[in-house]
C-alpha atoms as a PDB file:
ATOM      1  CA  MET A   1      -6.666 -13.431  14.620  1.00  0.00           C
ATOM      2  CA  SER A   2      -5.787 -10.211  16.101  1.00  0.00           C
ATOM      3  CA  LEU A   3      -2.499  -9.044  17.505  1.00  0.00           C
ATOM      4  CA  ALA A   4      -2.420  -6.101  19.885  1.00  0.00           C
ATOM      5  CA  VAL A   5       0.924  -4.443  20.490  1.00  0.00           C
ATOM      6  CA  GLY A   6       1.170  -2.097  23.447  1.00  0.00           C
ATOM      7  CA  ALA A   7       3.705   0.738  23.280  1.00  0.00           C
ATOM      8  CA  VAL A   8       5.575   1.446  26.548  1.00  0.00           C
ATOM      9  CA  PRO A   9       6.322   5.168  26.985  1.00  0.00           C
ATOM     10  CA  SER A  10       9.987   6.077  27.391  1.00  0.00           C
ATOM     11  CA  CYS A  11      11.295   8.522  29.969  1.00  0.00           C
ATOM     12  CA  SER A  12      14.794   9.985  29.825  1.00  0.00           C
ATOM     13  CA  ASN A  13      14.947  11.088  33.459  1.00  0.00           C
ATOM     14  CA  MET A  14      13.610   7.712  34.795  1.00  0.00           C
ATOM     15  CA  GLY A  15      10.733   9.335  36.747  1.00  0.00           C
ATOM     16  CA  PHE A  16      12.524  12.303  38.315  1.00  0.00           C
ATOM     17  CA  ASP A  17      10.224  14.972  36.766  1.00  0.00           C
ATOM     18  CA  ASP A  18       9.885  18.224  38.637  1.00  0.00           C
ATOM     19  CA  ASP A  19       6.606  19.343  40.191  1.00  0.00           C
ATOM     20  CA  LYS A  20       5.888  21.757  37.347  1.00  0.00           C
ATOM     21  CA  GLU A  21       5.890  19.007  34.694  1.00  0.00           C
ATOM     22  CA  ALA A  22       3.713  16.771  36.876  1.00  0.00           C
ATOM     23  CA  ALA A  23       1.208  19.574  37.341  1.00  0.00           C
ATOM     24  CA  GLU A  24       1.105  20.223  33.577  1.00  0.00           C
ATOM     25  CA  ASP A  25       0.492  16.515  32.887  1.00  0.00           C
ATOM     26  CA  LYS A  26      -2.339  16.429  35.407  1.00  0.00           C
ATOM     27  CA  SER A  27      -3.864  19.554  33.851  1.00  0.00           C
ATOM     28  CA  LYS A  28      -3.738  17.990  30.359  1.00  0.00           C
ATOM     29  CA  THR A  29      -5.388  14.812  31.661  1.00  0.00           C
ATOM     30  CA  LEU A  30      -8.238  16.739  33.281  1.00  0.00           C
ATOM     31  CA  GLU A  31      -8.699  18.781  30.100  1.00  0.00           C
ATOM     32  CA  LYS A  32      -8.888  15.613  27.976  1.00  0.00           C
ATOM     33  CA  LYS A  33     -11.514  14.072  30.261  1.00  0.00           C
ATOM     34  CA  ALA A  34     -13.553  17.278  30.109  1.00  0.00           C
ATOM     35  CA  THR A  35     -13.463  17.514  26.330  1.00  0.00           C
ATOM     36  CA  HIS A  36     -13.744  13.766  25.579  1.00  0.00           C
ATOM     37  CA  PRO A  37     -16.132  12.294  28.194  1.00  0.00           C
ATOM     38  CA  GLU A  38     -17.041   9.463  25.826  1.00  0.00           C
ATOM     39  CA  GLU A  39     -13.572   7.915  26.354  1.00  0.00           C
ATOM     40  CA  SER A  40     -14.143   7.392  30.081  1.00  0.00           C
ATOM     41  CA  ASP A  41     -13.409   3.851  31.238  1.00  0.00           C
ATOM     42  CA  ASP A  42     -15.647   3.999  34.304  1.00  0.00           C
ATOM     43  CA  ASP A  43     -17.850   0.944  34.805  1.00  0.00           C
ATOM     44  CA  GLY A  44     -20.935   3.112  34.675  1.00  0.00           C
ATOM     45  CA  GLY A  45     -20.236   4.474  31.186  1.00  0.00           C
ATOM     46  CA  GLY A  46     -20.191   2.828  27.798  1.00  0.00           C
ATOM     47  CA  LYS A  47     -16.748   1.370  27.080  1.00  0.00           C
ATOM     48  CA  ILE A  48     -15.122   1.848  23.724  1.00  0.00           C
ATOM     49  CA  GLY A  49     -15.491  -1.288  21.626  1.00  0.00           C
ATOM     50  CA  SER A  50     -18.663  -2.499  23.350  1.00  0.00           C
ATOM     51  CA  ARG A  51     -20.509  -5.205  21.437  1.00  0.00           C
ATOM     52  CA  GLN A  52     -23.887  -4.111  22.792  1.00  0.00           C
ATOM     53  CA  MET A  53     -25.963  -3.388  19.706  1.00  0.00           C
ATOM     54  CA  SER A  54     -28.899  -1.430  21.061  1.00  0.00           C
ATOM     55  CA  GLU A  55     -31.467   0.246  18.839  1.00  0.00           C
ATOM     56  CA  SER A  56     -29.470   3.495  18.843  1.00  0.00           C
ATOM     57  CA  SER A  57     -26.156   1.801  17.989  1.00  0.00           C
ATOM     58  CA  PHE A  58     -27.849  -0.279  15.303  1.00  0.00           C
ATOM     59  CA  TYR A  59     -28.709   2.890  13.440  1.00  0.00           C
ATOM     60  CA  ALA A  60     -25.218   4.373  13.874  1.00  0.00           C
ATOM     61  CA  THR A  61     -23.183   3.916  10.696  1.00  0.00           C
ATOM     62  CA  GLU A  62     -19.647   4.494   9.473  1.00  0.00           C
ATOM     63  CA  ASP A  63     -18.055   4.810   6.041  1.00  0.00           C
ATOM     64  CA  ASP A  64     -15.859   1.793   5.258  1.00  0.00           C
ATOM     65  CA  ASP A  65     -14.704   2.879   1.793  1.00  0.00           C
ATOM     66  CA  ASN A  66     -11.681   4.868   2.987  1.00  0.00           C
ATOM     67  CA  ASP A  67     -10.387   1.931   5.017  1.00  0.00           C
ATOM     68  CA  ASP A  68     -10.697  -0.445   2.045  1.00  0.00           C
ATOM     69  CA  GLU A  69      -8.877   2.033  -0.184  1.00  0.00           C
ATOM     70  CA  HIS A  70      -6.117   2.349   2.403  1.00  0.00           C
ATOM     71  CA  ARG A  71      -5.706  -1.433   2.535  1.00  0.00           C
ATOM     72  CA  ALA A  72      -5.588  -1.634  -1.252  1.00  0.00           C
ATOM     73  CA  SER A  73      -2.800   0.981  -1.354  1.00  0.00           C
ATOM     74  CA  ILE A  74      -0.541  -0.937   1.043  1.00  0.00           C
ATOM     75  CA  GLN A  75       2.292  -2.614  -0.824  1.00  0.00           C
ATOM     76  CA  LEU A  76       2.837  -6.111   0.586  1.00  0.00           C
ATOM     77  CA  GLY A  77       5.891  -8.284   0.024  1.00  0.00           C
ATOM     78  CA  PRO A  78       6.066 -11.014  -2.631  1.00  0.00           C
ATOM     79  CA  GLN A  79       3.883 -14.045  -1.990  1.00  0.00           C
ATOM     80  CA  CYS A  80       5.608 -17.363  -1.272  1.00  0.00           C
ATOM     81  CA  THR A  81       4.523 -20.972  -1.224  1.00  0.00           C
ATOM     82  CA  LEU A  82       4.335 -22.678   2.145  1.00  0.00           C
ATOM     83  CA  LYS A  83       7.446 -24.702   1.391  1.00  0.00           C
ATOM     84  CA  GLU A  84       9.350 -21.523   0.564  1.00  0.00           C
ATOM     85  CA  GLN A  85       8.156 -19.969   3.807  1.00  0.00           C
ATOM     86  CA  LEU A  86       9.514 -22.935   5.747  1.00  0.00           C
ATOM     87  CA  GLU A  87      12.882 -22.662   4.038  1.00  0.00           C
ATOM     88  CA  LYS A  88      13.242 -18.985   4.894  1.00  0.00           C
ATOM     89  CA  ASP A  89      15.336 -18.189   7.981  1.00  0.00           C
ATOM     90  CA  LYS A  90      15.492 -21.886   8.849  1.00  0.00           C
ATOM     91  CA  ASP A  91      18.589 -21.255  10.971  1.00  0.00           C
ATOM     92  CA  ASP A  92      16.664 -18.849  13.217  1.00  0.00           C
ATOM     93  CA  GLU A  93      15.481 -20.966  16.144  1.00  0.00           C
ATOM     94  CA  SER A  94      12.767 -18.578  17.329  1.00  0.00           C
ATOM     95  CA  LEU A  95      11.279 -18.223  13.827  1.00  0.00           C
ATOM     96  CA  ARG A  96      11.362 -21.973  13.324  1.00  0.00           C
ATOM     97  CA  LYS A  97       9.414 -22.568  16.552  1.00  0.00           C
ATOM     98  CA  TRP A  98       6.905 -19.853  15.644  1.00  0.00           C
ATOM     99  CA  LYS A  99       6.284 -21.436  12.235  1.00  0.00           C
ATOM    100  CA  GLU A 100       5.848 -24.867  13.800  1.00  0.00           C
ATOM    101  CA  GLN A 101       3.317 -23.458  16.247  1.00  0.00           C
ATOM    102  CA  LEU A 102       1.418 -21.699  13.442  1.00  0.00           C
ATOM    103  CA  LEU A 103       1.370 -24.723  11.149  1.00  0.00           C
ATOM    104  CA  GLY A 104       0.300 -27.157  13.854  1.00  0.00           C
ATOM    105  CA  SER A 105      -0.621 -30.517  12.337  1.00  0.00           C
ATOM    106  CA  VAL A 106       0.062 -29.621   8.690  1.00  0.00           C
ATOM    107  CA  ASP A 107       1.425 -32.521   6.645  1.00  0.00           C
ATOM    108  CA  ILE A 108       4.569 -30.863   5.281  1.00  0.00           C
ATOM    109  CA  ASP A 109       4.990 -33.524   2.574  1.00  0.00           C
ATOM    110  CA  ASN A 110       1.559 -32.787   1.090  1.00  0.00           C
ATOM    111  CA  ILE A 111       1.335 -29.002   1.140  1.00  0.00           C
ATOM    112  CA  GLY A 112       2.180 -28.535  -2.535  1.00  0.00           C
ATOM    113  CA  GLU A 113       3.568 -25.472  -4.244  1.00  0.00           C
ATOM    114  CA  THR A 114       0.423 -23.328  -4.531  1.00  0.00           C
ATOM    115  CA  LEU A 115       0.794 -19.611  -3.826  1.00  0.00           C
ATOM    116  CA  GLU A 116      -2.851 -18.744  -3.209  1.00  0.00           C
ATOM    117  CA  PRO A 117      -4.578 -20.055  -0.078  1.00  0.00           C
ATOM    118  CA  GLU A 118      -7.947 -21.710  -0.532  1.00  0.00           C
ATOM    119  CA  VAL A 119     -10.625 -20.775   2.002  1.00  0.00           C
ATOM    120  CA  LYS A 120     -14.002 -22.491   1.803  1.00  0.00           C
ATOM    121  CA  PHE A 121     -16.807 -21.544   4.187  1.00  0.00           C
ATOM    122  CA  LEU A 122     -19.012 -24.477   5.085  1.00  0.00           C
ATOM    123  CA  SER A 123     -21.716 -22.949   7.273  1.00  0.00           C
ATOM    124  CA  VAL A 124     -22.787 -19.977   9.371  1.00  0.00           C
ATOM    125  CA  SER A 125     -24.567 -20.605  12.671  1.00  0.00           C
ATOM    126  CA  ILE A 126     -26.557 -18.271  14.913  1.00  0.00           C
ATOM    127  CA  VAL A 127     -25.881 -19.284  18.515  1.00  0.00           C
ATOM    128  CA  SER A 128     -28.262 -17.990  21.183  1.00  0.00           C
ATOM    129  CA  PRO A 129     -28.988 -19.108  24.765  1.00  0.00           C
ATOM    130  CA  ASP A 130     -32.702 -18.667  23.983  1.00  0.00           C
ATOM    131  CA  ARG A 131     -32.909 -21.522  21.477  1.00  0.00           C
ATOM    132  CA  THR A 132     -31.105 -24.286  19.603  1.00  0.00           C
ATOM    133  CA  ASP A 133     -28.464 -23.180  17.102  1.00  0.00           C
ATOM    134  CA  ILE A 134     -29.659 -21.988  13.700  1.00  0.00           C
ATOM    135  CA  VAL A 135     -27.316 -23.578  11.133  1.00  0.00           C
ATOM    136  CA  LEU A 136     -27.392 -21.796   7.776  1.00  0.00           C
ATOM    137  CA  SER A 137     -25.995 -23.490   4.700  1.00  0.00           C
ATOM    138  CA  ILE A 138     -24.156 -21.248   2.249  1.00  0.00           C
ATOM    139  CA  PRO A 139     -25.117 -21.455  -1.447  1.00  0.00           C
ATOM    140  CA  GLU A 140     -22.206 -21.704  -3.869  1.00  0.00           C
ATOM    141  CA  ASP A 141     -23.060 -18.349  -5.419  1.00  0.00           C
ATOM    142  CA  GLY A 142     -23.329 -16.726  -1.973  1.00  0.00           C
ATOM    143  CA  ASN A 143     -26.898 -15.568  -2.532  1.00  0.00           C
ATOM    144  CA  PRO A 144     -29.515 -17.336  -0.374  1.00  0.00           C
ATOM    145  CA  GLN A 145     -32.952 -17.145  -1.931  1.00  0.00           C
ATOM    146  CA  GLY A 146     -35.739 -15.489   0.025  1.00  0.00           C
ATOM    147  CA  LEU A 147     -35.654 -14.861   3.774  1.00  0.00           C
ATOM    148  CA  TRP A 148     -32.454 -16.388   5.185  1.00  0.00           C
ATOM    149  CA  PHE A 149     -33.243 -16.183   8.925  1.00  0.00           C
ATOM    150  CA  THR A 150     -35.226 -14.334  11.595  1.00  0.00           C
ATOM    151  CA  LEU A 151     -33.862 -12.781  14.791  1.00  0.00           C
ATOM    152  CA  LYS A 152     -35.921 -12.220  17.910  1.00  0.00           C
ATOM    153  CA  GLU A 153     -35.816  -8.589  18.975  1.00  0.00           C
ATOM    154  CA  GLY A 154     -33.644  -7.966  22.031  1.00  0.00           C
ATOM    155  CA  SER A 155     -32.097 -11.442  21.848  1.00  0.00           C
ATOM    156  CA  HIS A 156     -28.442 -12.140  22.605  1.00  0.00           C
ATOM    157  CA  TYR A 157     -26.641 -14.114  19.915  1.00  0.00           C
ATOM    158  CA  ARG A 158     -23.271 -14.929  18.362  1.00  0.00           C
ATOM    159  CA  LEU A 159     -22.283 -15.850  14.832  1.00  0.00           C
ATOM    160  CA  LYS A 160     -20.187 -18.997  14.415  1.00  0.00           C
ATOM    161  CA  PHE A 161     -18.363 -19.744  11.173  1.00  0.00           C
ATOM    162  CA  SER A 162     -17.101 -23.125   9.979  1.00  0.00           C
ATOM    163  CA  PHE A 163     -14.471 -23.069   7.218  1.00  0.00           C
ATOM    164  CA  GLN A 164     -11.572 -24.974   5.688  1.00  0.00           C
ATOM    165  CA  VAL A 165      -8.145 -23.658   4.683  1.00  0.00           C
ATOM    166  CA  GLY A 166      -5.977 -25.315   2.023  1.00  0.00           C
ATOM    167  CA  ASN A 167      -2.806 -24.796  -0.042  1.00  0.00           C
ATOM    168  CA  ASN A 168      -1.226 -21.958   1.908  1.00  0.00           C
ATOM    169  CA  ILE A 169      -1.534 -19.776   5.021  1.00  0.00           C
ATOM    170  CA  VAL A 170      -4.365 -17.236   4.918  1.00  0.00           C
ATOM    171  CA  SER A 171      -3.269 -14.094   6.735  1.00  0.00           C
ATOM    172  CA  GLY A 172      -5.510 -11.522   8.386  1.00  0.00           C
ATOM    173  CA  LEU A 173      -8.838 -13.142   7.551  1.00  0.00           C
ATOM    174  CA  ARG A 174     -11.555 -10.680   8.516  1.00  0.00           C
ATOM    175  CA  TYR A 175     -15.342 -10.355   8.404  1.00  0.00           C
ATOM    176  CA  THR A 176     -17.302  -7.280   7.324  1.00  0.00           C
ATOM    177  CA  ASN A 177     -21.054  -6.863   7.443  1.00  0.00           C
ATOM    178  CA  THR A 178     -23.289  -4.040   6.217  1.00  0.00           C
ATOM    179  CA  VAL A 179     -27.047  -3.859   6.803  1.00  0.00           C
ATOM    180  CA  TRP A 180     -29.732  -1.764   5.096  1.00  0.00           C
ATOM    181  CA  LYS A 181     -33.391  -1.178   5.893  1.00  0.00           C
ATOM    182  CA  THR A 182     -35.643   0.219   3.164  1.00  0.00           C
ATOM    183  CA  GLY A 183     -32.523   1.166   1.214  1.00  0.00           C
ATOM    184  CA  VAL A 184     -30.888   3.104   4.057  1.00  0.00           C
ATOM    185  CA  LYS A 185     -27.620   1.889   5.576  1.00  0.00           C
ATOM    186  CA  VAL A 186     -28.301   1.278   9.274  1.00  0.00           C
ATOM    187  CA  PHE A 187     -25.368  -0.790  10.521  1.00  0.00           C
ATOM    188  CA  SER A 188     -21.791  -1.672   9.612  1.00  0.00           C
ATOM    189  CA  THR A 189     -19.248  -3.785  11.457  1.00  0.00           C
ATOM    190  CA  LYS A 190     -15.810  -5.349  10.985  1.00  0.00           C
ATOM    191  CA  GLU A 191     -14.206  -8.168  12.942  1.00  0.00           C
ATOM    192  CA  MET A 192     -10.794  -9.828  12.665  1.00  0.00           C
ATOM    193  CA  ILE A 193     -11.008 -13.628  12.521  1.00  0.00           C
ATOM    194  CA  GLY A 194      -7.336 -14.584  12.354  1.00  0.00           C
ATOM    195  CA  THR A 195      -4.437 -16.168  10.492  1.00  0.00           C
ATOM    196  CA  PHE A 196      -4.804 -19.854   9.673  1.00  0.00           C
ATOM    197  CA  SER A 197      -2.583 -22.571   8.249  1.00  0.00           C
ATOM    198  CA  PRO A 198      -3.890 -25.253   5.838  1.00  0.00           C
ATOM    199  CA  GLN A 199      -5.303 -28.386   7.442  1.00  0.00           C
ATOM    200  CA  LEU A 200      -7.790 -31.132   6.656  1.00  0.00           C
ATOM    201  CA  GLU A 201     -10.056 -30.482   9.648  1.00  0.00           C
ATOM    202  CA  PRO A 202     -12.420 -27.473   9.437  1.00  0.00           C
ATOM    203  CA  TYR A 203     -11.861 -24.454  11.650  1.00  0.00           C
ATOM    204  CA  THR A 204     -14.643 -22.911  13.718  1.00  0.00           C
ATOM    205  CA  HIS A 205     -14.651 -19.305  14.856  1.00  0.00           C
ATOM    206  CA  GLU A 206     -17.222 -17.691  17.143  1.00  0.00           C
ATOM    207  CA  MET A 207     -17.781 -13.939  16.995  1.00  0.00           C
ATOM    208  CA  PRO A 208     -18.368 -11.643  20.011  1.00  0.00           C
ATOM    209  CA  GLU A 209     -21.900 -11.546  21.396  1.00  0.00           C
ATOM    210  CA  GLU A 210     -24.349  -9.067  19.927  1.00  0.00           C
ATOM    211  CA  THR A 211     -27.815  -7.922  20.965  1.00  0.00           C
ATOM    212  CA  ALA A 212     -30.560  -7.553  18.388  1.00  0.00           C
ATOM    213  CA  PRO A 213     -32.316  -4.168  18.519  1.00  0.00           C
ATOM    214  CA  SER A 214     -35.857  -4.036  19.829  1.00  0.00           C
ATOM    215  CA  GLY A 215     -38.891  -1.823  19.507  1.00  0.00           C
ATOM    216  CA  PHE A 216     -41.447  -0.975  16.852  1.00  0.00           C
ATOM    217  CA  PHE A 217     -38.980   0.759  14.516  1.00  0.00           C
ATOM    218  CA  ALA A 218     -36.430  -2.059  14.763  1.00  0.00           C
ATOM    219  CA  ARG A 219     -38.833  -4.750  13.590  1.00  0.00           C
ATOM    220  CA  GLY A 220     -39.125  -5.535   9.918  1.00  0.00           C
ATOM    221  CA  SER A 221     -37.104  -6.765   6.966  1.00  0.00           C
ATOM    222  CA  TYR A 222     -33.445  -5.997   6.266  1.00  0.00           C
ATOM    223  CA  THR A 223     -30.980  -6.632   3.461  1.00  0.00           C
ATOM    224  CA  ALA A 224     -27.312  -7.307   4.216  1.00  0.00           C
ATOM    225  CA  LYS A 225     -23.951  -8.027   2.635  1.00  0.00           C
ATOM    226  CA  SER A 226     -21.240 -10.017   4.426  1.00  0.00           C
ATOM    227  CA  LYS A 227     -17.682 -10.445   3.155  1.00  0.00           C
ATOM    228  CA  PHE A 228     -14.670 -12.503   4.195  1.00  0.00           C
ATOM    229  CA  LEU A 229     -11.366 -10.955   3.093  1.00  0.00           C
ATOM    230  CA  ASP A 230      -7.667 -11.330   3.877  1.00  0.00           C
ATOM    231  CA  ASP A 231      -4.705  -8.968   4.251  1.00  0.00           C
ATOM    232  CA  ASP A 232      -4.386  -8.752   0.453  1.00  0.00           C
ATOM    233  CA  ASN A 233      -8.041  -7.625   0.298  1.00  0.00           C
ATOM    234  CA  LYS A 234      -8.874 -10.849  -1.528  1.00  0.00           C
ATOM    235  CA  CYS A 235     -12.529 -11.758  -1.018  1.00  0.00           C
ATOM    236  CA  TYR A 236     -13.166 -15.468  -0.376  1.00  0.00           C
ATOM    237  CA  LEU A 237     -16.915 -15.186   0.082  1.00  0.00           C
ATOM    238  CA  GLU A 238     -19.581 -12.533  -0.358  1.00  0.00           C
ATOM    239  CA  ILE A 239     -23.091 -13.268   0.928  1.00  0.00           C
ATOM    240  CA  ASN A 240     -26.060 -11.102  -0.061  1.00  0.00           C
ATOM    241  CA  TYR A 241     -29.162 -11.946   1.948  1.00  0.00           C
ATOM    242  CA  THR A 242     -32.326 -10.763   3.660  1.00  0.00           C
ATOM    243  CA  PHE A 243     -33.416 -11.321   7.262  1.00  0.00           C
ATOM    244  CA  ASP A 244     -36.187 -10.221   9.619  1.00  0.00           C
ATOM    245  CA  ILE A 245     -36.303  -8.930  13.171  1.00  0.00           C
ATOM    246  CA  ARG A 246     -39.570 -10.002  14.829  1.00  0.00           C
ATOM    247  CA  LYS A 247     -41.109 -10.278  18.277  1.00  0.00           C
ATOM    248  CA  GLU A 248     -40.311 -14.004  18.373  1.00  0.00           C
ATOM    249  CA  TRP A 249     -37.934 -16.450  16.716  1.00  0.00           C
ATOM    250  CA  ALA A 250     -39.227 -17.956  13.506  1.00  0.00           C
END
């Protein structure tokens, strides 16, 4: 669940800028393109946010600690039960419709008075056009024993999660993943999954497509840690596992 809000620039003279200001704007734009060529949106260049995980991008890392600390420092409002949420602003028609859309098929009479949402992950699947889906069961302690799976080098794949939500709305559920090879951090990623209301039927969420790295140095064994957290930085599941990248699927 990800919301993108675009800011529309304001203009006090409604577009009647003189030629001097227009020339200065054009000069600034050209200067930015010259100094930041990586932000070009031409089709020929790499676009910001690309999900292509080549060998070079696989070994590019970032430090996630500062972001986690920033999230932990944010002061959120008091938590409410789902029933209390429904009672709030009940005279506001637009809010009422939004809540109904978010809750969907929730049985209002059976939602209870629990503050904390319950999120239970049922399975993780590796979906690739090259083969049948690899469905991975998740141990209760989040630590699969031995080799969990093998990826074929250069293959295109997506991760698909199946999970249930109970008790209350889970807000800002997100996925983080960090990968190490021979003790060195080689890859880190974050993805927003969404906001979900409690329901009996499991949810499924499919991640953007990724490409496994290829080449002699990419092959081998890796260790990884995946986490599922919400806006309160509460962790619902942490998985510590090992996987291989080989010439062929296992």
